[in-house]
Amino acid sequence: AYAKAERIEGLIGAFFEITRYNLQAIPIERENVDVRLFCQQVAEAFFPEASARNIRISIDVAAPDQFFVDPDKLARALGNVLRNAVAYADPNSVIALAARQDARLTTITVANRGREISQAHLESIFEKFYREDGARTTRSGGAGLGLAIAREIARDHGGAIAAASIPEPGTGAARTTFTVRLPRA
């Protein structure tokens, strides 16, 4: 009963958060943030869940640099993506978290190996309350808000988020990659 109550509390919190985003009541408060440190801190939050499934999260940041973001909001967005990656990655695999920068953009990718998400479902996964149980079954029974929140946060930063899922021939698995692109300034 306690676990169910906690789950309901989490769903209600997520619902209120997406409602606040829709009302544009949550301001983005940017500051200069070290990209490598940011990625490490977000990844470390998922160490217990990843370890329980014997999943390792690798971090590859090309060069130590900064970007101008709201670290709390962006951590929520990237955390939502990583939560899904940990939940749906094959056991005993590696989730690759990488960040690259050029003159205009900071690009953060999260890639995992697991079950394929069809092209039809990739077009819908960022919609509120969307869950495609056939594409990615879930033990946690999420409400389908995590990726919608991630999209809103990316947009509020002037950026975008996208996903791709490419089958690996002969393995029965796919490489699914989420890409967040944010302007540097």
N, C-alpha and C. Protein backbone atom coordinates (compact mmCIF):
# COMPACT_ATOMS: atom_id res chain seq x y z
N ALA A 1 0.83 -1.19 0.00
CA ALA A 1 0.00 0.00 0.00
C ALA A 1 0.88 1.26 0.00
N TYR A 2 1.98 1.21 0.79
CA TYR A 2 2.87 2.37 0.85
C TYR A 2 3.52 2.62 -0.52
N ALA A 3 3.96 1.55 -1.18
CA ALA A 3 4.58 1.70 -2.49
C ALA A 3 3.59 2.28 -3.50
N LYS A 4 2.35 1.83 -3.43
CA LYS A 4 1.31 2.36 -4.34
C LYS A 4 1.06 3.84 -4.05
N ALA A 5 1.03 4.21 -2.76
CA ALA A 5 0.83 5.61 -2.40
C ALA A 5 1.97 6.48 -2.91
N GLU A 6 3.21 5.98 -2.79
CA GLU A 6 4.36 6.73 -3.32
C GLU A 6 4.26 6.89 -4.83
N ARG A 7 3.83 5.84 -5.52
CA ARG A 7 3.69 5.90 -6.98
C ARG A 7 2.64 6.94 -7.36
N ILE A 8 1.52 6.94 -6.67
CA ILE A 8 0.46 7.92 -6.96
C ILE A 8 0.96 9.33 -6.68
N GLU A 9 1.70 9.51 -5.60
CA GLU A 9 2.26 10.83 -5.29
C GLU A 9 3.19 11.28 -6.42
N GLY A 10 4.01 10.37 -6.93
CA GLY A 10 4.91 10.71 -8.04
C GLY A 10 4.15 11.08 -9.29
N LEU A 11 3.09 10.35 -9.61
CA LEU A 11 2.28 10.65 -10.79
C LEU A 11 1.59 12.01 -10.66
N ILE A 12 1.07 12.29 -9.47
CA ILE A 12 0.41 13.59 -9.25
C ILE A 12 1.43 14.71 -9.38
N GLY A 13 2.62 14.52 -8.82
CA GLY A 13 3.67 15.52 -8.95
C GLY A 13 4.05 15.76 -10.40
N ALA A 14 4.17 14.69 -11.18
CA ALA A 14 4.50 14.82 -12.60
C ALA A 14 3.37 15.53 -13.35
N PHE A 15 2.13 15.20 -13.00
CA PHE A 15 0.99 15.85 -13.65
C PHE A 15 1.00 17.36 -13.38
N PHE A 16 1.22 17.73 -12.12
CA PHE A 16 1.26 19.16 -11.79
C PHE A 16 2.43 19.85 -12.48
N GLU A 17 3.55 19.15 -12.60
CA GLU A 17 4.70 19.76 -13.26
C GLU A 17 4.41 20.02 -14.74
N ILE A 18 3.82 19.07 -15.44
CA ILE A 18 3.53 19.28 -16.86
C ILE A 18 2.46 20.36 -17.01
N THR A 19 1.54 20.46 -16.08
CA THR A 19 0.53 21.52 -16.12
C THR A 19 1.20 22.88 -15.95
N ARG A 20 2.15 22.98 -15.03
CA ARG A 20 2.87 24.25 -14.86
C ARG A 20 3.63 24.62 -16.12
N TYR A 21 4.24 23.63 -16.79
CA TYR A 21 4.95 23.93 -18.03
C TYR A 21 3.99 24.44 -19.09
N ASN A 22 2.82 23.83 -19.17
CA ASN A 22 1.84 24.28 -20.15
C ASN A 22 1.38 25.70 -19.88
N LEU A 23 1.33 26.09 -18.62
CA LEU A 23 0.92 27.44 -18.27
C LEU A 23 2.09 28.42 -18.31
N GLN A 24 3.27 27.91 -18.63
CA GLN A 24 4.49 28.71 -18.73
C GLN A 24 4.77 29.47 -17.44
N ALA A 25 4.50 28.83 -16.31
CA ALA A 25 4.70 29.48 -15.01
C ALA A 25 6.08 29.19 -14.43
N ILE A 26 6.83 28.28 -15.05
CA ILE A 26 8.13 27.94 -14.51
C ILE A 26 9.20 28.68 -15.31
N PRO A 27 9.87 29.62 -14.69
CA PRO A 27 10.89 30.37 -15.42
C PRO A 27 12.17 29.56 -15.58
N ILE A 28 12.86 29.81 -16.67
CA ILE A 28 14.18 29.22 -16.88
C ILE A 28 15.18 30.22 -16.33
N GLU A 29 15.99 29.76 -15.40
CA GLU A 29 16.99 30.61 -14.75
C GLU A 29 18.37 30.05 -15.08
N ARG A 30 18.96 30.63 -16.12
CA ARG A 30 20.22 30.11 -16.66
C ARG A 30 21.44 30.59 -15.87
N GLU A 31 22.46 29.74 -15.93
CA GLU A 31 23.77 30.08 -15.41
C GLU A 31 24.79 29.26 -16.19
N ASN A 32 26.04 29.66 -16.12
CA ASN A 32 27.09 28.89 -16.78
C ASN A 32 27.34 27.63 -15.98
N VAL A 33 27.34 26.49 -16.67
CA VAL A 33 27.47 25.19 -16.04
C VAL A 33 28.53 24.39 -16.79
N ASP A 34 29.40 23.71 -16.06
CA ASP A 34 30.40 22.84 -16.67
C ASP A 34 29.69 21.61 -17.25
N VAL A 35 29.87 21.37 -18.53
CA VAL A 35 29.16 20.29 -19.23
C VAL A 35 29.53 18.93 -18.66
N ARG A 36 30.83 18.67 -18.47
CA ARG A 36 31.26 17.35 -17.98
C ARG A 36 30.73 17.09 -16.57
N LEU A 37 30.87 18.05 -15.68
CA LEU A 37 30.38 17.88 -14.32
C LEU A 37 28.87 17.67 -14.30
N PHE A 38 28.15 18.43 -15.11
CA PHE A 38 26.70 18.29 -15.20
C PHE A 38 26.32 16.86 -15.60
N CYS A 39 26.94 16.35 -16.66
CA CYS A 39 26.63 14.99 -17.13
C CYS A 39 26.96 13.95 -16.07
N GLN A 40 28.09 14.11 -15.39
CA GLN A 40 28.48 13.17 -14.34
C GLN A 40 27.48 13.17 -13.19
N GLN A 41 27.04 14.35 -12.78
CA GLN A 41 26.11 14.43 -11.66
C GLN A 41 24.76 13.81 -12.00
N VAL A 42 24.27 14.05 -13.21
CA VAL A 42 22.99 13.45 -13.60
C VAL A 42 23.13 11.93 -13.67
N ALA A 43 24.21 11.44 -14.26
CA ALA A 43 24.41 9.99 -14.40
C ALA A 43 24.53 9.31 -13.04
N GLU A 44 25.23 9.95 -12.10
CA GLU A 44 25.42 9.35 -10.77
C GLU A 44 24.11 9.10 -10.04
N ALA A 45 23.10 9.89 -10.33
CA ALA A 45 21.80 9.70 -9.67
C ALA A 45 21.17 8.36 -10.05
N PHE A 46 21.60 7.78 -11.18
CA PHE A 46 21.00 6.53 -11.65
C PHE A 46 21.88 5.32 -11.40
N PHE A 47 22.96 5.51 -10.64
CA PHE A 47 23.88 4.41 -10.35
C PHE A 47 23.18 3.23 -9.67
N PRO A 48 22.35 3.45 -8.63
CA PRO A 48 21.71 2.29 -7.98
C PRO A 48 20.84 1.47 -8.92
N GLU A 49 20.00 2.13 -9.72
CA GLU A 49 19.12 1.40 -10.64
C GLU A 49 19.92 0.69 -11.71
N ALA A 50 20.93 1.37 -12.24
CA ALA A 50 21.77 0.77 -13.29
C ALA A 50 22.54 -0.43 -12.73
N SER A 51 23.13 -0.28 -11.56
CA SER A 51 23.90 -1.37 -10.95
C SER A 51 23.03 -2.59 -10.69
N ALA A 52 21.79 -2.37 -10.28
CA ALA A 52 20.89 -3.48 -10.00
C ALA A 52 20.64 -4.33 -11.25
N ARG A 53 20.76 -3.73 -12.43
CA ARG A 53 20.56 -4.47 -13.69
C ARG A 53 21.90 -4.74 -14.38
N ASN A 54 23.00 -4.50 -13.67
CA ASN A 54 24.35 -4.69 -14.21
C ASN A 54 24.56 -3.87 -15.48
N ILE A 55 24.08 -2.62 -15.43
CA ILE A 55 24.23 -1.69 -16.54
C ILE A 55 25.24 -0.63 -16.11
N ARG A 56 26.14 -0.31 -17.03
CA ARG A 56 27.13 0.73 -16.76
C ARG A 56 26.77 1.96 -17.59
N ILE A 57 26.93 3.13 -17.01
CA ILE A 57 26.70 4.38 -17.74
C ILE A 57 28.06 4.99 -18.03
N SER A 58 28.41 5.05 -19.30
CA SER A 58 29.68 5.67 -19.69
C SER A 58 29.42 7.14 -20.01
N ILE A 59 30.40 7.97 -19.70
CA ILE A 59 30.27 9.41 -19.95
C ILE A 59 31.42 9.84 -20.84
N ASP A 60 31.09 10.47 -21.96
CA ASP A 60 32.09 10.94 -22.90
C ASP A 60 31.80 12.40 -23.24
N VAL A 61 32.56 13.29 -22.64
CA VAL A 61 32.43 14.71 -22.93
C VAL A 61 33.73 15.13 -23.61
N ALA A 62 33.62 15.63 -24.84
CA ALA A 62 34.79 15.89 -25.68
C ALA A 62 35.81 16.80 -25.02
N ALA A 63 35.37 17.91 -24.50
CA ALA A 63 36.31 18.85 -23.89
C ALA A 63 35.60 19.54 -22.73
N PRO A 64 36.33 19.85 -21.69
CA PRO A 64 35.68 20.56 -20.58
C PRO A 64 35.29 21.96 -21.03
N ASP A 65 34.02 22.22 -21.04
CA ASP A 65 33.52 23.52 -21.45
C ASP A 65 32.24 23.79 -20.69
N GLN A 66 31.68 24.96 -20.90
CA GLN A 66 30.46 25.33 -20.21
C GLN A 66 29.34 25.58 -21.20
N PHE A 67 28.12 25.51 -20.66
CA PHE A 67 26.97 25.96 -21.42
C PHE A 67 26.06 26.75 -20.50
N PHE A 68 25.18 27.56 -21.09
CA PHE A 68 24.36 28.51 -20.35
C PHE A 68 22.95 27.96 -20.27
N VAL A 69 22.64 27.27 -19.15
CA VAL A 69 21.37 26.55 -19.00
C VAL A 69 20.84 26.72 -17.59
N ASP A 70 19.61 26.30 -17.39
CA ASP A 70 19.05 26.17 -16.05
C ASP A 70 19.40 24.75 -15.60
N PRO A 71 20.38 24.59 -14.71
CA PRO A 71 20.86 23.25 -14.38
C PRO A 71 19.81 22.35 -13.74
N ASP A 72 18.93 22.91 -12.93
CA ASP A 72 17.90 22.09 -12.29
C ASP A 72 16.89 21.57 -13.31
N LYS A 73 16.43 22.45 -14.18
CA LYS A 73 15.43 22.03 -15.18
C LYS A 73 16.05 21.06 -16.18
N LEU A 74 17.27 21.37 -16.63
CA LEU A 74 17.91 20.49 -17.61
C LEU A 74 18.26 19.14 -16.99
N ALA A 75 18.61 19.12 -15.70
CA ALA A 75 18.87 17.85 -15.03
C ALA A 75 17.60 17.01 -14.99
N ARG A 76 16.46 17.66 -14.82
CA ARG A 76 15.18 16.92 -14.84
C ARG A 76 14.95 16.31 -16.21
N ALA A 77 15.20 17.09 -17.28
CA ALA A 77 14.99 16.59 -18.64
C ALA A 77 15.92 15.42 -18.94
N LEU A 78 17.21 15.60 -18.69
CA LEU A 78 18.17 14.54 -18.97
C LEU A 78 17.92 13.35 -18.05
N GLY A 79 17.53 13.60 -16.82
CA GLY A 79 17.20 12.52 -15.90
C GLY A 79 16.03 11.68 -16.40
N ASN A 80 15.02 12.33 -16.98
CA ASN A 80 13.89 11.58 -17.52
C ASN A 80 14.34 10.67 -18.66
N VAL A 81 15.23 11.16 -19.50
CA VAL A 81 15.74 10.35 -20.61
C VAL A 81 16.59 9.20 -20.06
N LEU A 82 17.47 9.48 -19.12
CA LEU A 82 18.32 8.43 -18.54
C LEU A 82 17.49 7.39 -17.78
N ARG A 83 16.44 7.83 -17.10
CA ARG A 83 15.58 6.89 -16.37
C ARG A 83 15.00 5.85 -17.34
N ASN A 84 14.55 6.32 -18.50
CA ASN A 84 14.02 5.40 -19.51
C ASN A 84 15.13 4.50 -20.05
N ALA A 85 16.31 5.07 -20.29
CA ALA A 85 17.41 4.26 -20.82
C ALA A 85 17.77 3.14 -19.85
N VAL A 86 17.84 3.44 -18.57
CA VAL A 86 18.16 2.42 -17.57
C VAL A 86 17.05 1.37 -17.51
N ALA A 87 15.81 1.81 -17.56
CA ALA A 87 14.68 0.88 -17.45
C ALA A 87 14.57 -0.06 -18.65
N TYR A 88 14.94 0.41 -19.84
CA TYR A 88 14.69 -0.37 -21.05
C TYR A 88 15.94 -0.93 -21.70
N ALA A 89 17.12 -0.62 -21.18
CA ALA A 89 18.35 -1.19 -21.73
C ALA A 89 18.43 -2.67 -21.41
N ASP A 90 19.09 -3.40 -22.29
CA ASP A 90 19.34 -4.81 -22.00
C ASP A 90 20.19 -4.92 -20.74
N PRO A 91 19.90 -5.91 -19.90
CA PRO A 91 20.78 -6.14 -18.74
C PRO A 91 22.21 -6.40 -19.22
N ASN A 92 23.17 -6.07 -18.41
CA ASN A 92 24.59 -6.30 -18.73
C ASN A 92 25.05 -5.50 -19.94
N SER A 93 24.51 -4.31 -20.11
CA SER A 93 24.89 -3.48 -21.25
C SER A 93 25.42 -2.14 -20.77
N VAL A 94 25.73 -1.27 -21.72
CA VAL A 94 26.28 0.04 -21.42
C VAL A 94 25.36 1.10 -22.00
N ILE A 95 25.07 2.12 -21.20
CA ILE A 95 24.36 3.30 -21.68
C ILE A 95 25.42 4.36 -21.92
N ALA A 96 25.44 4.91 -23.13
CA ALA A 96 26.45 5.91 -23.49
C ALA A 96 25.85 7.30 -23.39
N LEU A 97 26.37 8.09 -22.46
CA LEU A 97 25.99 9.49 -22.31
C LEU A 97 27.14 10.31 -22.86
N ALA A 98 26.87 11.12 -23.88
CA ALA A 98 27.93 11.89 -24.52
C ALA A 98 27.48 13.33 -24.73
N ALA A 99 28.45 14.24 -24.72
CA ALA A 99 28.17 15.65 -24.98
C ALA A 99 29.23 16.20 -25.92
N ARG A 100 28.79 16.96 -26.89
CA ARG A 100 29.67 17.61 -27.86
C ARG A 100 29.22 19.05 -28.02
N GLN A 101 30.17 19.91 -28.32
CA GLN A 101 29.84 21.31 -28.55
C GLN A 101 30.50 21.78 -29.83
N ASP A 102 29.80 22.67 -30.52
CA ASP A 102 30.40 23.42 -31.62
C ASP A 102 30.14 24.89 -31.33
N ALA A 103 30.36 25.73 -32.29
CA ALA A 103 30.22 27.17 -32.05
C ALA A 103 28.79 27.57 -31.66
N ARG A 104 27.80 26.81 -32.12
CA ARG A 104 26.40 27.17 -31.89
C ARG A 104 25.67 26.31 -30.87
N LEU A 105 25.98 25.01 -30.84
CA LEU A 105 25.15 24.07 -30.09
C LEU A 105 25.94 23.22 -29.10
N THR A 106 25.24 22.84 -28.04
CA THR A 106 25.68 21.74 -27.18
C THR A 106 24.73 20.59 -27.49
N THR A 107 25.28 19.44 -27.83
CA THR A 107 24.48 18.26 -28.16
C THR A 107 24.78 17.17 -27.13
N ILE A 108 23.74 16.70 -26.47
CA ILE A 108 23.87 15.64 -25.47
C ILE A 108 23.09 14.43 -26.00
N THR A 109 23.75 13.27 -26.04
CA THR A 109 23.09 12.06 -26.49
C THR A 109 23.09 11.01 -25.38
N VAL A 110 22.02 10.23 -25.35
CA VAL A 110 21.91 9.08 -24.46
C VAL A 110 21.52 7.91 -25.34
N ALA A 111 22.41 6.91 -25.40
CA ALA A 111 22.16 5.75 -26.27
C ALA A 111 22.19 4.48 -25.44
N ASN A 112 21.25 3.59 -25.73
CA ASN A 112 21.22 2.30 -25.06
C ASN A 112 20.86 1.21 -26.06
N ARG A 113 21.19 -0.02 -25.69
CA ARG A 113 20.87 -1.18 -26.50
C ARG A 113 19.73 -1.91 -25.82
N GLY A 114 18.66 -2.16 -26.58
CA GLY A 114 17.50 -2.83 -26.03
C GLY A 114 16.48 -3.07 -27.13
N ARG A 115 15.25 -3.14 -26.74
CA ARG A 115 14.17 -3.39 -27.68
C ARG A 115 13.93 -2.18 -28.57
N GLU A 116 13.65 -2.42 -29.83
CA GLU A 116 13.43 -1.35 -30.80
C GLU A 116 12.13 -0.60 -30.52
N ILE A 117 12.16 0.69 -30.80
CA ILE A 117 10.95 1.51 -30.80
C ILE A 117 10.64 1.77 -32.27
N SER A 118 9.45 1.41 -32.71
CA SER A 118 9.10 1.57 -34.13
C SER A 118 9.06 3.04 -34.52
N GLN A 119 9.23 3.30 -35.80
CA GLN A 119 9.21 4.68 -36.31
C GLN A 119 7.87 5.35 -35.97
N ALA A 120 6.78 4.62 -36.09
CA ALA A 120 5.46 5.19 -35.78
C ALA A 120 5.39 5.66 -34.33
N HIS A 121 5.97 4.90 -33.42
CA HIS A 121 5.92 5.27 -32.01
C HIS A 121 6.94 6.37 -31.67
N LEU A 122 8.06 6.40 -32.40
CA LEU A 122 9.05 7.46 -32.17
C LEU A 122 8.44 8.84 -32.39
N GLU A 123 7.48 8.93 -33.29
CA GLU A 123 6.84 10.21 -33.58
C GLU A 123 5.90 10.66 -32.46
N SER A 124 5.53 9.75 -31.57
CA SER A 124 4.55 10.06 -30.52
C SER A 124 5.11 10.06 -29.10
N ILE A 125 6.31 9.56 -28.89
CA ILE A 125 6.77 9.35 -27.52
C ILE A 125 6.96 10.62 -26.71
N PHE A 126 7.02 11.78 -27.36
CA PHE A 126 7.17 13.03 -26.63
C PHE A 126 5.83 13.69 -26.31
N GLU A 127 4.74 13.02 -26.66
CA GLU A 127 3.41 13.55 -26.36
C GLU A 127 3.04 13.18 -24.92
N LYS A 128 2.31 14.07 -24.27
CA LYS A 128 1.87 13.81 -22.90
C LYS A 128 1.01 12.55 -22.83
N PHE A 129 1.27 11.76 -21.81
CA PHE A 129 0.53 10.55 -21.49
C PHE A 129 0.68 9.44 -22.52
N TYR A 130 1.60 9.59 -23.46
CA TYR A 130 1.80 8.55 -24.47
C TYR A 130 2.66 7.44 -23.90
N ARG A 131 2.15 6.23 -24.01
CA ARG A 131 2.92 5.03 -23.67
C ARG A 131 2.57 3.99 -24.69
N GLU A 132 3.58 3.34 -25.23
CA GLU A 132 3.33 2.27 -26.18
C GLU A 132 3.87 1.00 -25.56
N ASP A 133 3.02 0.30 -24.85
CA ASP A 133 3.48 -0.86 -24.10
C ASP A 133 4.05 -1.96 -24.98
N GLY A 134 3.62 -2.03 -26.23
CA GLY A 134 4.18 -3.04 -27.12
C GLY A 134 5.60 -2.72 -27.53
N ALA A 135 5.93 -1.44 -27.64
CA ALA A 135 7.27 -1.05 -28.05
C ALA A 135 8.25 -1.15 -26.90
N ARG A 136 7.85 -0.70 -25.75
CA ARG A 136 8.72 -0.74 -24.57
C ARG A 136 7.84 -0.99 -23.36
N THR A 137 7.75 -2.22 -22.95
CA THR A 137 6.94 -2.50 -21.77
C THR A 137 7.62 -1.91 -20.55
N THR A 138 6.83 -1.63 -19.55
CA THR A 138 7.39 -0.99 -18.37
C THR A 138 6.96 -1.69 -17.10
N ARG A 139 7.91 -1.91 -16.24
CA ARG A 139 7.59 -2.49 -14.93
C ARG A 139 7.15 -1.39 -13.97
N SER A 140 7.60 -0.18 -14.24
CA SER A 140 7.28 0.91 -13.32
C SER A 140 5.93 1.54 -13.62
N GLY A 141 5.40 1.31 -14.82
CA GLY A 141 4.09 1.82 -15.15
C GLY A 141 4.01 3.33 -15.15
N GLY A 142 4.97 3.99 -15.77
CA GLY A 142 4.98 5.45 -15.82
C GLY A 142 3.74 6.00 -16.50
N ALA A 143 3.50 7.28 -16.28
CA ALA A 143 2.30 7.91 -16.82
C ALA A 143 2.49 8.46 -18.22
N GLY A 144 3.69 8.39 -18.76
CA GLY A 144 3.94 8.94 -20.08
C GLY A 144 4.16 10.44 -20.05
N LEU A 145 4.70 10.95 -18.95
CA LEU A 145 4.96 12.39 -18.84
C LEU A 145 6.44 12.74 -18.92
N GLY A 146 7.32 11.81 -18.63
CA GLY A 146 8.75 12.10 -18.54
C GLY A 146 9.33 12.71 -19.80
N LEU A 147 9.05 12.11 -20.95
CA LEU A 147 9.60 12.63 -22.19
C LEU A 147 8.89 13.89 -22.65
N ALA A 148 7.62 14.04 -22.30
CA ALA A 148 6.91 15.29 -22.61
C ALA A 148 7.52 16.44 -21.81
N ILE A 149 7.86 16.18 -20.56
CA ILE A 149 8.51 17.20 -19.74
C ILE A 149 9.89 17.52 -20.31
N ALA A 150 10.63 16.50 -20.70
CA ALA A 150 11.96 16.72 -21.29
C ALA A 150 11.86 17.60 -22.53
N ARG A 151 10.86 17.34 -23.36
CA ARG A 151 10.68 18.16 -24.57
C ARG A 151 10.37 19.60 -24.21
N GLU A 152 9.50 19.82 -23.23
CA GLU A 152 9.16 21.19 -22.83
C GLU A 152 10.38 21.94 -22.30
N ILE A 153 11.19 21.25 -21.51
CA ILE A 153 12.39 21.89 -20.96
C ILE A 153 13.37 22.22 -22.08
N ALA A 154 13.57 21.30 -23.02
CA ALA A 154 14.47 21.57 -24.14
C ALA A 154 13.96 22.77 -24.94
N ARG A 155 12.67 22.81 -25.21
CA ARG A 155 12.09 23.94 -25.95
C ARG A 155 12.23 25.25 -25.18
N ASP A 156 12.02 25.20 -23.86
CA ASP A 156 12.16 26.41 -23.04
C ASP A 156 13.59 26.95 -23.08
N HIS A 157 14.55 26.09 -23.37
CA HIS A 157 15.94 26.51 -23.53
C HIS A 157 16.25 26.94 -24.97
N GLY A 158 15.26 26.94 -25.84
CA GLY A 158 15.49 27.27 -27.24
C GLY A 158 16.04 26.11 -28.04
N GLY A 159 15.93 24.90 -27.50
CA GLY A 159 16.49 23.72 -28.15
C GLY A 159 15.43 22.72 -28.56
N ALA A 160 15.86 21.48 -28.74
CA ALA A 160 14.96 20.42 -29.19
C ALA A 160 15.48 19.08 -28.69
N ILE A 161 14.60 18.08 -28.72
CA ILE A 161 14.96 16.71 -28.37
C ILE A 161 14.38 15.80 -29.45
N ALA A 162 15.12 14.77 -29.79
CA ALA A 162 14.68 13.81 -30.81
C ALA A 162 15.13 12.41 -30.40
N ALA A 163 14.55 11.42 -31.05
CA ALA A 163 14.91 10.03 -30.75
C ALA A 163 15.00 9.23 -32.05
N ALA A 164 15.87 8.22 -32.02
CA ALA A 164 16.01 7.29 -33.14
C ALA A 164 16.24 5.91 -32.56
N SER A 165 15.73 4.90 -33.23
CA SER A 165 15.92 3.52 -32.80
C SER A 165 16.26 2.69 -34.03
N ILE A 166 17.49 2.19 -34.07
CA ILE A 166 17.99 1.49 -35.26
C ILE A 166 18.28 0.04 -34.90
N PRO A 167 17.61 -0.90 -35.59
CA PRO A 167 17.83 -2.32 -35.29
C PRO A 167 19.27 -2.73 -35.58
N GLU A 168 19.78 -3.64 -34.76
CA GLU A 168 21.09 -4.24 -34.98
C GLU A 168 20.83 -5.61 -35.60
N PRO A 169 21.10 -5.76 -36.89
CA PRO A 169 20.78 -7.01 -37.58
C PRO A 169 21.34 -8.25 -36.89
N GLY A 170 20.49 -9.26 -36.79
CA GLY A 170 20.90 -10.54 -36.24
C GLY A 170 20.98 -10.61 -34.73
N THR A 171 20.66 -9.50 -34.02
CA THR A 171 20.79 -9.52 -32.56
C THR A 171 19.45 -9.52 -31.85
N GLY A 172 18.40 -9.12 -32.53
CA GLY A 172 17.10 -9.00 -31.87
C GLY A 172 17.02 -7.77 -30.99
N ALA A 173 17.97 -6.87 -31.13
CA ALA A 173 18.00 -5.65 -30.33
C ALA A 173 18.16 -4.44 -31.24
N ALA A 174 18.05 -3.27 -30.63
CA ALA A 174 18.20 -2.03 -31.38
C ALA A 174 19.03 -1.06 -30.56
N ARG A 175 19.61 -0.11 -31.23
CA ARG A 175 20.34 0.98 -30.58
C ARG A 175 19.42 2.18 -30.58
N THR A 176 18.95 2.59 -29.41
CA THR A 176 18.04 3.72 -29.29
C THR A 176 18.83 4.91 -28.75
N THR A 177 18.71 6.04 -29.45
CA THR A 177 19.47 7.23 -29.08
C THR A 177 18.53 8.42 -28.94
N PHE A 178 18.64 9.09 -27.81
CA PHE A 178 17.93 10.36 -27.59
C PHE A 178 18.96 11.47 -27.70
N THR A 179 18.61 12.51 -28.44
CA THR A 179 19.53 13.62 -28.69
C THR A 179 18.87 14.92 -28.25
N VAL A 180 19.57 15.63 -27.36
CA VAL A 180 19.12 16.94 -26.91
C VAL A 180 20.08 17.96 -27.50
N ARG A 181 19.55 18.94 -28.23
CA ARG A 181 20.36 20.01 -28.81
C ARG A 181 19.95 21.34 -28.18
N LEU A 182 20.94 22.06 -27.65
CA LEU A 182 20.68 23.32 -26.97
C LEU A 182 21.62 24.38 -27.51
N PRO A 183 21.12 25.60 -27.70
CA PRO A 183 22.02 26.68 -28.11
C PRO A 183 23.03 26.97 -27.01
N ARG A 184 24.25 27.28 -27.39
CA ARG A 184 25.29 27.54 -26.39
C ARG A 184 25.08 28.87 -25.69
N ALA A 185 24.51 29.84 -26.39
CA ALA A 185 24.36 31.16 -25.78
C ALA A 185 22.89 31.54 -25.73
